[in-house]
Amino acid sequence: MAQNEHRFSNKVGEEYDLFSLALPHQDEIQIRAVEKIVKHFPNKENIKVLEIGFGTGITTNEILSQSEHVSLIGIDNEPGMLNRAVTKLEYFSPERFQLYIADALEYLEKQDADTFDAVISVWVLHNLQADFRSKIYKEIYRVLKTNGIFVNGDKMAVTDIALHKEHLDWQLKQFDVYEDMGRSELKKEWTDHYIEDEDSSRILYESTFIQDLQKLGFKDCVVDNRHYMDAIGSAIKVK
């Protein structure tokens, strides 16, 4: 996803919540990703969180549910997602969250340094072109406070080619569920989406993710909670 590229303006975007039917570990990734933030700040009264790519509000809902001490700003570049996210969050006080339609890099560049306690993104950053993603990482580091945490629950390829193919084949097979329910167009769009993610200019490798963050100065860079293609990466800004 180059700057202002929209990869969810089609049927996949319109019915994004159906993604869970083809991803049995979706809830697990969401829960564990948010837990990393909550556990990192066990005694903090006000945890200021930036969510990159709020989508339909699934992760936003999980963040606000897990901790009453979170105040959240969410950004997404797909206007069609906003109303669906707001509907999903209607039971939370509007004082706890703000959602904006914005390009991620443009938004980050406008923020002061040392602004957020945590930055989280779930199934978003793999959509970016690798060079653009590197710019996002740099800005995330800048806007995080000291001891801030960056969490990325995402599609992260392993470097073992055979194992990666096994993971990809498994995921593509899961999209048969859409054909079984008479939605063959969703199967095609999701399959095409995943194949596009394999392009060398876009694919997000676990090893590269860790190396890129370490170069910026992040510490405790880890990738864990792997389920086939998906895993959770996290890192701490120590100064």
C-alpha atoms as a PDB file:
ATOM      1  CA  MET A   1       0.000   0.000   0.000  1.00  0.00           C
ATOM      2  CA  ALA A   2       1.712   3.107  -1.176  1.00  0.00           C
ATOM      3  CA  GLN A   3       0.642   6.400   0.310  1.00  0.00           C
ATOM      4  CA  ASN A   4      -3.130   6.785  -0.198  1.00  0.00           C
ATOM      5  CA  GLU A   5      -3.436   3.282  -1.737  1.00  0.00           C
ATOM      6  CA  HIS A   6      -6.787   1.685  -0.887  1.00  0.00           C
ATOM      7  CA  ARG A   7      -6.805  -2.116  -0.779  1.00  0.00           C
ATOM      8  CA  PHE A   8     -10.195  -2.509   0.902  1.00  0.00           C
ATOM      9  CA  SER A   9     -12.500  -0.467  -1.312  1.00  0.00           C
ATOM     10  CA  ASN A  10     -13.979  -3.634  -2.897  1.00  0.00           C
ATOM     11  CA  LYS A  11     -16.245  -6.440  -1.658  1.00  0.00           C
ATOM     12  CA  VAL A  12     -13.516  -7.552   0.730  1.00  0.00           C
ATOM     13  CA  GLY A  13     -13.701  -4.148   2.409  1.00  0.00           C
ATOM     14  CA  GLU A  14     -17.495  -3.989   2.347  1.00  0.00           C
ATOM     15  CA  GLU A  15     -17.764  -7.328   4.138  1.00  0.00           C
ATOM     16  CA  TYR A  16     -14.509  -7.404   6.050  1.00  0.00           C
ATOM     17  CA  ASP A  17     -16.097  -8.939   9.146  1.00  0.00           C
ATOM     18  CA  LEU A  18     -16.629 -12.147   7.140  1.00  0.00           C
ATOM     19  CA  PHE A  19     -12.843 -12.558   7.160  1.00  0.00           C
ATOM     20  CA  SER A  20     -13.165 -14.308  10.519  1.00  0.00           C
ATOM     21  CA  LEU A  21     -14.879 -17.262   8.824  1.00  0.00           C
ATOM     22  CA  ALA A  22     -11.619 -18.029   7.016  1.00  0.00           C
ATOM     23  CA  LEU A  23      -9.359 -17.209   9.954  1.00  0.00           C
ATOM     24  CA  PRO A  24     -10.163 -19.393  12.979  1.00  0.00           C
ATOM     25  CA  HIS A  25      -7.411 -17.775  15.051  1.00  0.00           C
ATOM     26  CA  GLN A  26      -8.533 -14.189  14.428  1.00  0.00           C
ATOM     27  CA  ASP A  27      -9.891 -13.672  17.948  1.00  0.00           C
ATOM     28  CA  GLU A  28      -6.782 -15.210  19.505  1.00  0.00           C
ATOM     29  CA  ILE A  29      -4.466 -12.830  17.649  1.00  0.00           C
ATOM     30  CA  GLN A  30      -6.630  -9.827  18.577  1.00  0.00           C
ATOM     31  CA  ILE A  31      -6.759 -10.755  22.255  1.00  0.00           C
ATOM     32  CA  ARG A  32      -3.056 -11.567  22.628  1.00  0.00           C
ATOM     33  CA  ALA A  33      -1.955  -8.450  20.749  1.00  0.00           C
ATOM     34  CA  VAL A  34      -3.954  -6.186  23.048  1.00  0.00           C
ATOM     35  CA  GLU A  35      -2.806  -8.115  26.123  1.00  0.00           C
ATOM     36  CA  LYS A  36       0.769  -7.120  25.329  1.00  0.00           C
ATOM     37  CA  ILE A  37      -0.163  -3.470  25.867  1.00  0.00           C
ATOM     38  CA  VAL A  38      -2.236  -4.071  28.986  1.00  0.00           C
ATOM     39  CA  LYS A  39       0.436  -6.253  30.604  1.00  0.00           C
ATOM     40  CA  HIS A  40       3.171  -3.753  29.726  1.00  0.00           C
ATOM     41  CA  PHE A  41       1.379  -1.056  31.748  1.00  0.00           C
ATOM     42  CA  PRO A  42      -0.071  -2.943  34.753  1.00  0.00           C
ATOM     43  CA  ASN A  43      -0.334   0.130  37.000  1.00  0.00           C
ATOM     44  CA  LYS A  44      -0.681   3.034  34.570  1.00  0.00           C
ATOM     45  CA  GLU A  45      -3.857   5.103  34.943  1.00  0.00           C
ATOM     46  CA  ASN A  46      -3.979   6.663  31.472  1.00  0.00           C
ATOM     47  CA  ILE A  47      -2.610   4.618  28.570  1.00  0.00           C
ATOM     48  CA  LYS A  48      -2.629   6.694  25.404  1.00  0.00           C
ATOM     49  CA  VAL A  49      -2.905   4.341  22.426  1.00  0.00           C
ATOM     50  CA  LEU A  50      -2.697   4.956  18.694  1.00  0.00           C
ATOM     51  CA  GLU A  51      -4.305   2.306  16.507  1.00  0.00           C
ATOM     52  CA  ILE A  52      -3.198   2.273  12.876  1.00  0.00           C
ATOM     53  CA  GLY A  53      -5.987   0.878  10.711  1.00  0.00           C
ATOM     54  CA  PHE A  54      -9.084   0.573  12.903  1.00  0.00           C
ATOM     55  CA  GLY A  55     -11.060  -1.119  10.126  1.00  0.00           C
ATOM     56  CA  THR A  56     -14.476  -2.213  11.363  1.00  0.00           C
ATOM     57  CA  GLY A  57     -13.465  -1.627  14.984  1.00  0.00           C
ATOM     58  CA  ILE A  58     -12.633  -5.201  15.973  1.00  0.00           C
ATOM     59  CA  THR A  59      -9.277  -4.412  17.598  1.00  0.00           C
ATOM     60  CA  THR A  60     -10.545  -1.079  18.903  1.00  0.00           C
ATOM     61  CA  ASN A  61     -13.327  -2.905  20.714  1.00  0.00           C
ATOM     62  CA  GLU A  62     -10.841  -5.362  22.196  1.00  0.00           C
ATOM     63  CA  ILE A  63      -8.538  -2.573  23.415  1.00  0.00           C
ATOM     64  CA  LEU A  64     -11.306  -0.608  25.106  1.00  0.00           C
ATOM     65  CA  SER A  65     -12.757  -3.802  26.608  1.00  0.00           C
ATOM     66  CA  GLN A  66      -9.509  -5.070  28.100  1.00  0.00           C
ATOM     67  CA  SER A  67      -8.601  -1.890  29.960  1.00  0.00           C
ATOM     68  CA  GLU A  68     -10.674   0.989  31.272  1.00  0.00           C
ATOM     69  CA  HIS A  69      -7.457   3.005  31.515  1.00  0.00           C
ATOM     70  CA  VAL A  70      -7.000   3.290  27.749  1.00  0.00           C
ATOM     71  CA  SER A  71      -7.735   6.410  25.728  1.00  0.00           C
ATOM     72  CA  LEU A  72      -7.474   5.666  22.035  1.00  0.00           C
ATOM     73  CA  ILE A  73      -6.981   7.448  18.749  1.00  0.00           C
ATOM     74  CA  GLY A  74      -7.656   5.325  15.687  1.00  0.00           C
ATOM     75  CA  ILE A  75      -6.844   6.132  12.068  1.00  0.00           C
ATOM     76  CA  ASP A  76      -7.818   4.414   8.820  1.00  0.00           C
ATOM     77  CA  ASN A  77      -7.605   5.463   5.185  1.00  0.00           C
ATOM     78  CA  GLU A  78     -10.846   3.731   4.127  1.00  0.00           C
ATOM     79  CA  PRO A  79     -13.869   6.057   4.622  1.00  0.00           C
ATOM     80  CA  GLY A  80     -16.241   3.109   4.320  1.00  0.00           C
ATOM     81  CA  MET A  81     -14.929   1.603   7.558  1.00  0.00           C
ATOM     82  CA  LEU A  82     -15.778   4.526   9.830  1.00  0.00           C
ATOM     83  CA  ASN A  83     -19.530   4.050  10.295  1.00  0.00           C
ATOM     84  CA  ARG A  84     -19.145   0.322  10.866  1.00  0.00           C
ATOM     85  CA  ALA A  85     -16.483   0.920  13.507  1.00  0.00           C
ATOM     86  CA  VAL A  86     -18.556   3.564  15.292  1.00  0.00           C
ATOM     87  CA  THR A  87     -21.531   1.186  15.396  1.00  0.00           C
ATOM     88  CA  LYS A  88     -19.379  -1.542  16.929  1.00  0.00           C
ATOM     89  CA  LEU A  89     -18.138   0.876  19.600  1.00  0.00           C
ATOM     90  CA  GLU A  90     -21.464   2.460  20.536  1.00  0.00           C
ATOM     91  CA  TYR A  91     -21.398   0.956  24.034  1.00  0.00           C
ATOM     92  CA  PHE A  92     -18.197   2.780  24.978  1.00  0.00           C
ATOM     93  CA  SER A  93     -18.077   6.371  26.161  1.00  0.00           C
ATOM     94  CA  PRO A  94     -17.157   8.613  23.203  1.00  0.00           C
ATOM     95  CA  GLU A  95     -14.677  10.334  25.514  1.00  0.00           C
ATOM     96  CA  ARG A  96     -12.501   7.205  25.412  1.00  0.00           C
ATOM     97  CA  PHE A  97     -11.801   7.108  21.677  1.00  0.00           C
ATOM     98  CA  GLN A  98     -11.479   9.243  18.560  1.00  0.00           C
ATOM     99  CA  LEU A  99     -11.504   7.851  15.025  1.00  0.00           C
ATOM    100  CA  TYR A 100     -10.140   9.687  11.996  1.00  0.00           C
ATOM    101  CA  ILE A 101      -9.938   8.982   8.284  1.00  0.00           C
ATOM    102  CA  ALA A 102      -6.291   9.670   7.530  1.00  0.00           C
ATOM    103  CA  ASP A 103      -3.235   8.357   5.743  1.00  0.00           C
ATOM    104  CA  ALA A 104      -1.043   6.671   8.346  1.00  0.00           C
ATOM    105  CA  LEU A 105       2.241   8.328   7.419  1.00  0.00           C
ATOM    106  CA  GLU A 106       0.737  11.786   7.020  1.00  0.00           C
ATOM    107  CA  TYR A 107      -0.959  11.495  10.411  1.00  0.00           C
ATOM    108  CA  LEU A 108       2.155  10.239  12.181  1.00  0.00           C
ATOM    109  CA  GLU A 109       4.322  12.998  10.724  1.00  0.00           C
ATOM    110  CA  LYS A 110       1.990  15.628  12.193  1.00  0.00           C
ATOM    111  CA  GLN A 111       2.263  14.248  15.728  1.00  0.00           C
ATOM    112  CA  ASP A 112       4.731  15.479  18.320  1.00  0.00           C
ATOM    113  CA  ALA A 113       7.520  13.177  19.424  1.00  0.00           C
ATOM    114  CA  ASP A 114       6.918  11.181  22.611  1.00  0.00           C
ATOM    115  CA  THR A 115       3.121  11.377  22.332  1.00  0.00           C
ATOM    116  CA  PHE A 116       1.803   7.814  22.703  1.00  0.00           C
ATOM    117  CA  ASP A 117       2.318   5.075  25.273  1.00  0.00           C
ATOM    118  CA  ALA A 118       1.482   2.396  22.727  1.00  0.00           C
ATOM    119  CA  VAL A 119       0.980   1.982  19.006  1.00  0.00           C
ATOM    120  CA  ILE A 120      -0.911  -1.056  17.768  1.00  0.00           C
ATOM    121  CA  SER A 121      -1.813  -2.337  14.343  1.00  0.00           C
ATOM    122  CA  VAL A 122      -3.511  -5.625  13.468  1.00  0.00           C
ATOM    123  CA  TRP A 123      -3.572  -7.049   9.925  1.00  0.00           C
ATOM    124  CA  VAL A 124      -2.677  -3.698   8.398  1.00  0.00           C
ATOM    125  CA  LEU A 125       1.045  -3.119   7.886  1.00  0.00           C
ATOM    126  CA  HIS A 126       1.569  -6.127   5.620  1.00  0.00           C
ATOM    127  CA  ASN A 127      -0.582  -4.245   3.088  1.00  0.00           C
ATOM    128  CA  LEU A 128       2.097  -1.578   2.697  1.00  0.00           C
ATOM    129  CA  GLN A 129       4.935  -1.526   0.213  1.00  0.00           C
ATOM    130  CA  ALA A 130       8.135  -2.345   2.100  1.00  0.00           C
ATOM    131  CA  ASP A 131       9.762   1.071   1.594  1.00  0.00           C
ATOM    132  CA  PHE A 132       6.623   2.850   2.791  1.00  0.00           C
ATOM    133  CA  ARG A 133       6.353   0.471   5.749  1.00  0.00           C
ATOM    134  CA  SER A 134       9.887   1.426   6.815  1.00  0.00           C
ATOM    135  CA  LYS A 135       8.835   5.079   6.979  1.00  0.00           C
ATOM    136  CA  ILE A 136       5.899   4.079   9.183  1.00  0.00           C
ATOM    137  CA  TYR A 137       8.198   2.206  11.574  1.00  0.00           C
ATOM    138  CA  LYS A 138      10.455   5.251  11.870  1.00  0.00           C
ATOM    139  CA  GLU A 139       7.541   7.520  12.728  1.00  0.00           C
ATOM    140  CA  ILE A 140       6.113   5.018  15.207  1.00  0.00           C
ATOM    141  CA  TYR A 141       9.427   5.039  17.053  1.00  0.00           C
ATOM    142  CA  ARG A 142       9.452   8.844  17.091  1.00  0.00           C
ATOM    143  CA  VAL A 143       5.915   9.298  18.445  1.00  0.00           C
ATOM    144  CA  LEU A 144       6.251   6.655  21.155  1.00  0.00           C
ATOM    145  CA  LYS A 145       7.174   7.760  24.654  1.00  0.00           C
ATOM    146  CA  THR A 146      10.127   6.212  26.456  1.00  0.00           C
ATOM    147  CA  ASN A 147       9.086   2.705  27.557  1.00  0.00           C
ATOM    148  CA  GLY A 148       6.354   2.814  24.930  1.00  0.00           C
ATOM    149  CA  ILE A 149       5.359  -0.394  23.185  1.00  0.00           C
ATOM    150  CA  PHE A 150       4.687  -1.121  19.525  1.00  0.00           C
ATOM    151  CA  VAL A 151       2.513  -4.164  18.788  1.00  0.00           C
ATOM    152  CA  ASN A 152       1.857  -5.534  15.321  1.00  0.00           C
ATOM    153  CA  GLY A 153      -0.472  -8.506  14.924  1.00  0.00           C
ATOM    154  CA  ASP A 154      -0.057  -9.336  11.276  1.00  0.00           C
ATOM    155  CA  LYS A 155       0.669 -11.647   8.407  1.00  0.00           C
ATOM    156  CA  MET A 156       4.419 -12.283   8.780  1.00  0.00           C
ATOM    157  CA  ALA A 157       6.168 -14.750   6.516  1.00  0.00           C
ATOM    158  CA  VAL A 158       8.739 -17.175   7.856  1.00  0.00           C
ATOM    159  CA  THR A 159      12.002 -17.363   5.896  1.00  0.00           C
ATOM    160  CA  ASP A 160      11.733 -21.138   5.435  1.00  0.00           C
ATOM    161  CA  ILE A 161      10.337 -21.251   1.878  1.00  0.00           C
ATOM    162  CA  ALA A 162       8.736 -24.679   2.213  1.00  0.00           C
ATOM    163  CA  LEU A 163       7.091 -23.798   5.512  1.00  0.00           C
ATOM    164  CA  HIS A 164       5.858 -20.478   4.157  1.00  0.00           C
ATOM    165  CA  LYS A 165       4.273 -22.269   1.184  1.00  0.00           C
ATOM    166  CA  GLU A 166       2.602 -24.665   3.604  1.00  0.00           C
ATOM    167  CA  HIS A 167       1.198 -21.715   5.563  1.00  0.00           C
ATOM    168  CA  LEU A 168      -0.016 -19.967   2.403  1.00  0.00           C
ATOM    169  CA  ASP A 169      -1.640 -23.105   0.996  1.00  0.00           C
ATOM    170  CA  TRP A 170      -3.445 -23.641   4.292  1.00  0.00           C
ATOM    171  CA  GLN A 171      -4.796 -20.082   4.286  1.00  0.00           C
ATOM    172  CA  LEU A 172      -5.928 -20.192   0.653  1.00  0.00           C
ATOM    173  CA  LYS A 173      -7.793 -23.413   1.439  1.00  0.00           C
ATOM    174  CA  GLN A 174      -9.702 -21.619   4.207  1.00  0.00           C
ATOM    175  CA  PHE A 175     -11.266 -19.310   1.614  1.00  0.00           C
ATOM    176  CA  ASP A 176     -13.313 -22.266   0.344  1.00  0.00           C
ATOM    177  CA  VAL A 177     -15.767 -21.343   3.090  1.00  0.00           C
ATOM    178  CA  TYR A 178     -16.975 -18.423   0.970  1.00  0.00           C
ATOM    179  CA  GLU A 179     -17.666 -20.687  -1.991  1.00  0.00           C
ATOM    180  CA  ASP A 180     -19.583 -23.038   0.299  1.00  0.00           C
ATOM    181  CA  MET A 181     -21.863 -20.139   1.297  1.00  0.00           C
ATOM    182  CA  GLY A 182     -22.393 -19.027  -2.296  1.00  0.00           C
ATOM    183  CA  ARG A 183     -19.940 -16.131  -2.171  1.00  0.00           C
ATOM    184  CA  SER A 184     -17.369 -17.198  -4.738  1.00  0.00           C
ATOM    185  CA  GLU A 185     -16.513 -13.546  -5.432  1.00  0.00           C
ATOM    186  CA  LEU A 186     -15.190 -13.200  -1.877  1.00  0.00           C
ATOM    187  CA  LYS A 187     -13.057 -16.305  -2.311  1.00  0.00           C
ATOM    188  CA  LYS A 188     -11.549 -14.830  -5.462  1.00  0.00           C
ATOM    189  CA  GLU A 189     -10.912 -11.385  -3.968  1.00  0.00           C
ATOM    190  CA  TRP A 190      -9.304 -12.749  -0.806  1.00  0.00           C
ATOM    191  CA  THR A 191      -7.213 -15.203  -2.813  1.00  0.00           C
ATOM    192  CA  ASP A 192      -6.049 -12.417  -5.129  1.00  0.00           C
ATOM    193  CA  HIS A 193      -5.293 -10.240  -2.101  1.00  0.00           C
ATOM    194  CA  TYR A 194      -3.086 -12.909  -0.542  1.00  0.00           C
ATOM    195  CA  ILE A 195      -1.248 -13.608  -3.790  1.00  0.00           C
ATOM    196  CA  GLU A 196      -0.539  -9.883  -4.186  1.00  0.00           C
ATOM    197  CA  ASP A 197       0.950  -9.893  -0.686  1.00  0.00           C
ATOM    198  CA  GLU A 198       3.568 -12.373  -1.907  1.00  0.00           C
ATOM    199  CA  ASP A 199       5.162  -9.757  -4.169  1.00  0.00           C
ATOM    200  CA  SER A 200       8.769  -9.027  -3.216  1.00  0.00           C
ATOM    201  CA  SER A 201       8.006  -5.314  -2.862  1.00  0.00           C
ATOM    202  CA  ARG A 202       5.319  -5.998  -0.273  1.00  0.00           C
ATOM    203  CA  ILE A 203       5.844  -9.275   1.579  1.00  0.00           C
ATOM    204  CA  LEU A 204       6.492  -8.808   5.300  1.00  0.00           C
ATOM    205  CA  TYR A 205       9.032 -11.265   6.706  1.00  0.00           C
ATOM    206  CA  GLU A 206       9.283 -11.934  10.424  1.00  0.00           C
ATOM    207  CA  SER A 207      13.077 -11.622  10.312  1.00  0.00           C
ATOM    208  CA  THR A 208      12.971  -8.318   8.420  1.00  0.00           C
ATOM    209  CA  PHE A 209      10.398  -6.930  10.845  1.00  0.00           C
ATOM    210  CA  ILE A 210      12.726  -7.572  13.778  1.00  0.00           C
ATOM    211  CA  GLN A 211      15.817  -6.248  11.977  1.00  0.00           C
ATOM    212  CA  ASP A 212      14.080  -3.052  10.874  1.00  0.00           C
ATOM    213  CA  LEU A 213      12.915  -2.267  14.401  1.00  0.00           C
ATOM    214  CA  GLN A 214      16.293  -3.026  15.953  1.00  0.00           C
ATOM    215  CA  LYS A 215      17.988  -0.628  13.525  1.00  0.00           C
ATOM    216  CA  LEU A 216      15.689   2.149  14.734  1.00  0.00           C
ATOM    217  CA  GLY A 217      16.626   1.536  18.359  1.00  0.00           C
ATOM    218  CA  PHE A 218      13.745  -0.644  19.517  1.00  0.00           C
ATOM    219  CA  LYS A 219      14.607  -3.239  22.165  1.00  0.00           C
ATOM    220  CA  ASP A 220      13.037  -6.552  23.156  1.00  0.00           C
ATOM    221  CA  CYS A 221      11.903  -7.142  19.567  1.00  0.00           C
ATOM    222  CA  VAL A 222      10.047 -10.442  19.408  1.00  0.00           C
ATOM    223  CA  VAL A 223       7.586 -12.285  17.192  1.00  0.00           C
ATOM    224  CA  ASP A 224       5.406 -14.887  18.891  1.00  0.00           C
ATOM    225  CA  ASN A 225       1.871 -16.308  19.037  1.00  0.00           C
ATOM    226  CA  ARG A 226       2.246 -17.700  15.503  1.00  0.00           C
ATOM    227  CA  HIS A 227      -0.707 -19.322  13.762  1.00  0.00           C
ATOM    228  CA  TYR A 228       0.290 -20.342  10.234  1.00  0.00           C
ATOM    229  CA  MET A 229       0.906 -17.054   8.343  1.00  0.00           C
ATOM    230  CA  ASP A 230      -0.050 -14.824  11.252  1.00  0.00           C
ATOM    231  CA  ALA A 231       1.910 -13.780  14.327  1.00  0.00           C
ATOM    232  CA  ILE A 232       2.354 -10.945  16.806  1.00  0.00           C
ATOM    233  CA  GLY A 233       5.423  -8.738  16.770  1.00  0.00           C
ATOM    234  CA  SER A 234       6.261  -6.357  19.600  1.00  0.00           C
ATOM    235  CA  ALA A 235       9.063  -4.020  20.606  1.00  0.00           C
ATOM    236  CA  ILE A 236       9.879  -1.439  23.281  1.00  0.00           C
ATOM    237  CA  LYS A 237      11.276   2.074  22.901  1.00  0.00           C
ATOM    238  CA  VAL A 238      13.762   2.433  25.737  1.00  0.00           C
ATOM    239  CA  LYS A 239      14.881   6.026  25.225  1.00  0.00           C
END
